[in-house]
Amino acid sequence: MGWWPFTRRRALGREALDRWRTARKLASSDLTDLGEHLAVGALGHAASHHQSSAVDLYERAQEVLRSSTTAEDVFAVEPLLVEARYHLAAALALSAGEPLPDRREPCFFDSRHGPSVSHELWSPPVGDSRRVSVCSDDAGRLSAGTQPLTRMVRVGDRYVPVHEVGGYQAVLDHDRGLFDDQQASYRSSRRQAQTELWAPGTRFGGGGGGDGGASSNSGSGSL
C-alpha cells in the first residue's frame, strides 16, 4: 500500500496547480474587463482623484496576479478590483455631474458590473422571489421584465451562474468538492479491483486456481 501516500501527494499537487490556474483565469478576465472600462480618457478635474485611484488599484491588482504562486495569492486580487470599480463608478458619476455613489456591495449578478445601486425583487428559475443588490443596468432590466446579465463561471465540467457559487474562493471550493468526489470514486474503484483480484477462485486468490489449471492442461477445451 506504499503507493497511496505518493499518489495522494501527487494528486494534491495537481489540485493546487489547477486551483491556481483557475483563480488566475478568473482574475485575468476581471482585470481585462476593468482595463477596458478604465480606457475612457481623462474624466475632468472633479473626477481625477477617483479615476487615478481606480488606475492605481488596477495596477496593484495586476502586480499581485503576476507575482502569485498559489490560488490564495490570487484571492487578494478580488478586493482590489471591488475597490477599483467603486472609484471608477465615482469618477464617472462626478464627471457626469451626479452625486457620489454610496459604497455598496457588488452587483449580485456580476461583480464586473460595479457596485450595486439598489435592492430589486428577482424571481430565480427555481425557488422563491427575493430582493438582491443590483447595478443600475440590471435594475432597469428587472424593472422592464427582462433577465439580468448574469456571469457564468465554469465549475468542473459545467457553467453555472456566479451568484450560485460566489467569489474566487467559492468557485474553487466547488471545484475542490468535485475533485474530492472523484478521488473517493477512484479509491473505491481501486479497493473493489483489489478485492476481486484476490478473491478465492481467482488467479491470485487461490482456492479454485488448481482446478482451472488442470482443466487448461487437459486439452478438453476447444480453441
Protein backbone atom coordinates (compact mmCIF):
# COMPACT_ATOMS: atom_id res chain seq x y z
CA MET A 1 0.00 0.00 0.00
CA GLY A 2 3.06 2.26 -0.18
CA TRP A 3 1.85 3.68 -3.48
CA TRP A 4 -1.10 5.52 -1.88
CA PRO A 5 0.74 8.35 0.00
CA PHE A 6 2.79 9.12 -3.11
CA THR A 7 -0.29 9.09 -5.32
CA ARG A 8 -2.16 11.28 -2.84
CA ARG A 9 0.68 13.84 -2.70
CA ARG A 10 0.88 13.95 -6.47
CA ALA A 11 -2.89 14.39 -6.76
CA LEU A 12 -2.86 17.20 -4.20
CA GLY A 13 -0.03 18.88 -6.09
CA ARG A 14 -2.05 18.74 -9.30
CA GLU A 15 -5.08 20.06 -7.45
CA ALA A 16 -3.13 23.05 -6.06
CA LEU A 17 -1.79 23.84 -9.52
CA ASP A 18 -5.25 23.56 -11.07
CA ARG A 19 -6.72 25.81 -8.37
CA TRP A 20 -4.05 28.45 -9.04
CA ARG A 21 -4.62 28.30 -12.79
CA THR A 22 -8.40 28.57 -12.37
CA ALA A 23 -8.05 31.50 -9.97
CA ARG A 24 -5.63 33.23 -12.35
CA LYS A 25 -8.04 32.77 -15.21
CA LEU A 26 -10.90 34.33 -13.25
CA ALA A 27 -8.76 37.26 -12.07
CA SER A 28 -7.25 37.80 -15.51
CA SER A 29 -10.72 38.01 -17.05
CA ASP A 30 -11.77 40.54 -14.42
CA LEU A 31 -8.63 42.63 -14.97
CA THR A 32 -9.16 42.67 -18.72
CA ASP A 33 -12.74 43.83 -18.26
CA LEU A 34 -11.75 46.56 -15.79
CA GLY A 35 -8.90 47.71 -18.02
CA GLU A 36 -11.33 48.19 -20.90
CA HIS A 37 -13.61 50.31 -18.70
CA LEU A 38 -10.68 52.39 -17.48
CA ALA A 39 -9.68 53.27 -21.03
CA VAL A 40 -12.09 56.20 -21.15
CA GLY A 41 -9.59 59.04 -21.17
CA ALA A 42 -9.46 61.91 -18.66
CA LEU A 43 -12.80 62.49 -16.92
CA GLY A 44 -12.10 66.01 -15.70
CA HIS A 45 -10.72 67.66 -12.58
CA ALA A 46 -13.65 66.75 -10.32
CA ALA A 47 -13.21 63.07 -11.12
CA SER A 48 -9.41 62.98 -11.27
CA HIS A 49 -8.84 61.70 -7.71
CA HIS A 50 -11.21 58.75 -8.08
CA GLN A 51 -10.02 58.00 -11.60
CA SER A 52 -6.36 57.89 -10.54
CA SER A 53 -7.29 55.75 -7.52
CA ALA A 54 -9.04 53.27 -9.81
CA VAL A 55 -5.98 53.08 -12.06
CA ASP A 56 -3.62 52.62 -9.09
CA LEU A 57 -5.73 49.80 -7.69
CA TYR A 58 -5.93 48.19 -11.12
CA GLU A 59 -2.13 48.24 -11.43
CA ARG A 60 -1.71 46.85 -7.91
CA ALA A 61 -4.09 44.01 -8.78
CA GLN A 62 -2.07 43.28 -11.93
CA GLU A 63 1.13 43.06 -9.89
CA VAL A 64 -0.47 40.77 -7.30
CA LEU A 65 -1.63 38.46 -10.07
CA ARG A 66 1.76 38.47 -11.82
CA SER A 67 3.61 37.57 -8.62
CA SER A 68 1.11 34.95 -7.45
CA THR A 69 2.20 31.34 -7.00
CA THR A 70 -0.90 29.92 -5.29
CA ALA A 71 -4.65 30.33 -5.50
CA GLU A 72 -4.55 32.01 -2.10
CA ASP A 73 -2.27 34.69 -3.54
CA VAL A 74 -4.82 35.38 -6.27
CA PHE A 75 -7.63 35.84 -3.75
CA ALA A 76 -6.00 39.18 -2.81
CA VAL A 77 -6.83 40.49 -6.30
CA GLU A 78 -10.58 40.37 -5.72
CA PRO A 79 -10.93 43.11 -3.04
CA LEU A 80 -8.61 45.37 -5.05
CA LEU A 81 -10.92 45.03 -8.04
CA VAL A 82 -14.01 45.76 -5.94
CA GLU A 83 -12.37 48.95 -4.66
CA ALA A 84 -11.18 49.94 -8.13
CA ARG A 85 -14.68 49.51 -9.57
CA TYR A 86 -16.09 51.77 -6.87
CA HIS A 87 -13.59 54.52 -7.67
CA LEU A 88 -14.34 54.17 -11.38
CA ALA A 89 -18.08 54.45 -10.71
CA ALA A 90 -17.40 57.51 -8.53
CA ALA A 91 -15.28 59.12 -11.24
CA LEU A 92 -17.92 58.53 -13.89
CA ALA A 93 -20.65 59.93 -11.65
CA LEU A 94 -18.71 63.09 -10.78
CA SER A 95 -17.76 63.57 -14.42
CA ALA A 96 -21.44 63.48 -15.33
CA GLY A 97 -22.36 65.93 -12.55
CA GLU A 98 -24.08 63.25 -10.49
CA PRO A 99 -23.79 62.67 -6.73
CA LEU A 100 -21.01 60.47 -5.42
CA PRO A 101 -22.33 56.89 -5.26
CA ASP A 102 -22.65 55.09 -1.94
CA ARG A 103 -20.27 52.29 -1.12
CA ARG A 104 -22.31 49.15 -1.61
CA GLU A 105 -21.70 45.51 -2.34
CA PRO A 106 -21.00 44.50 -5.96
CA CYS A 107 -23.83 43.66 -8.34
CA PHE A 108 -25.34 40.31 -7.40
CA PHE A 109 -25.36 39.05 -10.98
CA ASP A 110 -21.82 40.05 -11.95
CA SER A 111 -19.30 41.92 -9.83
CA ARG A 112 -17.80 43.32 -13.04
CA HIS A 113 -20.90 45.49 -13.35
CA GLY A 114 -19.55 47.53 -10.45
CA PRO A 115 -21.21 48.48 -7.16
CA SER A 116 -24.91 47.91 -6.71
CA VAL A 117 -27.28 50.86 -6.55
CA SER A 118 -30.49 49.32 -5.25
CA HIS A 119 -32.25 46.20 -3.98
CA GLU A 120 -34.65 44.76 -6.54
CA LEU A 121 -37.08 41.85 -6.48
CA TRP A 122 -35.78 38.93 -8.51
CA SER A 123 -37.50 35.64 -9.32
CA PRO A 124 -34.97 32.86 -9.95
CA PRO A 125 -35.84 29.92 -12.25
CA VAL A 126 -36.08 27.73 -9.15
CA GLY A 127 -37.00 28.95 -5.68
CA ASP A 128 -38.77 31.89 -4.12
CA SER A 129 -38.50 35.51 -5.22
CA ARG A 130 -36.14 37.67 -3.19
CA ARG A 131 -34.51 41.07 -3.20
CA VAL A 132 -30.93 41.27 -4.40
CA SER A 133 -28.38 44.07 -4.77
CA VAL A 134 -28.04 45.06 -8.42
CA CYS A 135 -26.30 47.61 -10.61
CA SER A 136 -28.30 50.31 -12.38
CA ASP A 137 -28.36 48.43 -15.70
CA ASP A 138 -29.67 45.21 -14.18
CA ALA A 139 -32.17 47.19 -12.10
CA GLY A 140 -33.53 48.57 -15.37
CA ARG A 141 -33.72 45.11 -16.90
CA LEU A 142 -35.59 43.68 -13.93
CA SER A 143 -37.96 46.64 -13.95
CA ALA A 144 -38.65 46.02 -17.63
CA GLY A 145 -39.33 42.34 -17.00
CA THR A 146 -36.20 41.10 -18.78
CA GLN A 147 -33.40 38.92 -17.46
CA PRO A 148 -30.31 40.49 -15.90
CA LEU A 149 -26.90 39.92 -17.44
CA THR A 150 -25.59 37.07 -15.30
CA ARG A 151 -21.97 36.00 -15.32
CA MET A 152 -21.43 32.29 -15.90
CA VAL A 153 -18.39 30.59 -14.39
CA ARG A 154 -17.05 27.14 -15.05
CA VAL A 155 -17.24 24.69 -12.17
CA GLY A 156 -15.95 21.26 -13.07
CA ASP A 157 -17.39 20.38 -16.47
CA ARG A 158 -20.30 22.83 -16.50
CA TYR A 159 -21.07 26.54 -16.33
CA VAL A 160 -23.19 27.95 -13.52
CA PRO A 161 -24.35 31.47 -12.58
CA VAL A 162 -21.74 33.17 -10.42
CA HIS A 163 -24.33 34.04 -7.77
CA GLU A 164 -24.80 30.30 -7.14
CA VAL A 165 -21.18 29.91 -6.08
CA GLY A 166 -19.71 33.29 -5.11
CA GLY A 167 -16.22 34.76 -5.45
CA TYR A 168 -12.92 33.22 -6.49
CA GLN A 169 -12.51 31.06 -3.40
CA ALA A 170 -16.09 29.81 -3.53
CA VAL A 171 -15.70 28.80 -7.18
CA LEU A 172 -12.53 26.88 -6.33
CA ASP A 173 -14.14 25.27 -3.29
CA HIS A 174 -16.92 23.95 -5.52
CA ASP A 175 -14.24 22.61 -7.87
CA ARG A 176 -12.47 21.01 -4.89
CA GLY A 177 -15.69 19.28 -3.91
CA LEU A 178 -15.81 17.70 -7.35
CA PHE A 179 -12.12 16.75 -7.03
CA ASP A 180 -12.72 15.06 -3.66
CA ASP A 181 -15.68 13.17 -5.12
CA GLN A 182 -13.50 11.97 -8.00
CA GLN A 183 -10.74 10.89 -5.61
CA ALA A 184 -13.25 8.99 -3.44
CA SER A 185 -14.61 7.26 -6.53
CA TYR A 186 -11.07 6.39 -7.64
CA ARG A 187 -10.18 4.91 -4.23
CA SER A 188 -13.41 2.93 -4.18
CA SER A 189 -12.65 1.53 -7.64
CA ARG A 190 -9.13 0.55 -6.54
CA ARG A 191 -10.43 -1.24 -3.45
CA GLN A 192 -13.05 -3.05 -5.50
CA ALA A 193 -10.47 -4.12 -8.06
CA GLN A 194 -8.13 -5.42 -5.33
CA THR A 195 -10.97 -7.29 -3.65
CA GLU A 196 -11.90 -9.00 -6.91
CA LEU A 197 -8.25 -9.72 -7.77
CA TRP A 198 -7.55 -11.53 -4.51
CA ALA A 199 -10.93 -13.21 -4.13
CA PRO A 200 -10.94 -17.02 -3.70
CA GLY A 201 -11.07 -18.79 -7.02
CA THR A 202 -9.16 -16.07 -8.89
CA ARG A 203 -5.62 -16.23 -10.21
CA PHE A 204 -4.10 -14.62 -7.09
CA GLY A 205 -6.76 -15.59 -4.59
CA GLY A 206 -6.03 -19.29 -4.53
CA GLY A 207 -8.69 -21.92 -3.91
CA GLY A 208 -10.08 -22.69 -7.34
CA GLY A 209 -6.85 -21.94 -9.19
CA GLY A 210 -5.76 -25.67 -9.30
CA ASP A 211 -8.94 -26.80 -10.97
CA GLY A 212 -8.58 -24.10 -13.56
CA GLY A 213 -5.02 -25.13 -14.26
CA ALA A 214 -5.94 -28.82 -14.59
CA SER A 215 -8.77 -28.01 -16.95
CA SER A 216 -6.45 -25.90 -19.05
CA ASN A 217 -3.79 -28.63 -19.27
CA SER A 218 -6.18 -31.46 -20.01
CA GLY A 219 -6.79 -30.26 -23.53
CA SER A 220 -10.51 -30.85 -23.17
CA GLY A 221 -11.41 -27.32 -24.17
CA SER A 222 -11.77 -26.31 -27.81
CA LEU A 223 -9.76 -23.44 -29.30
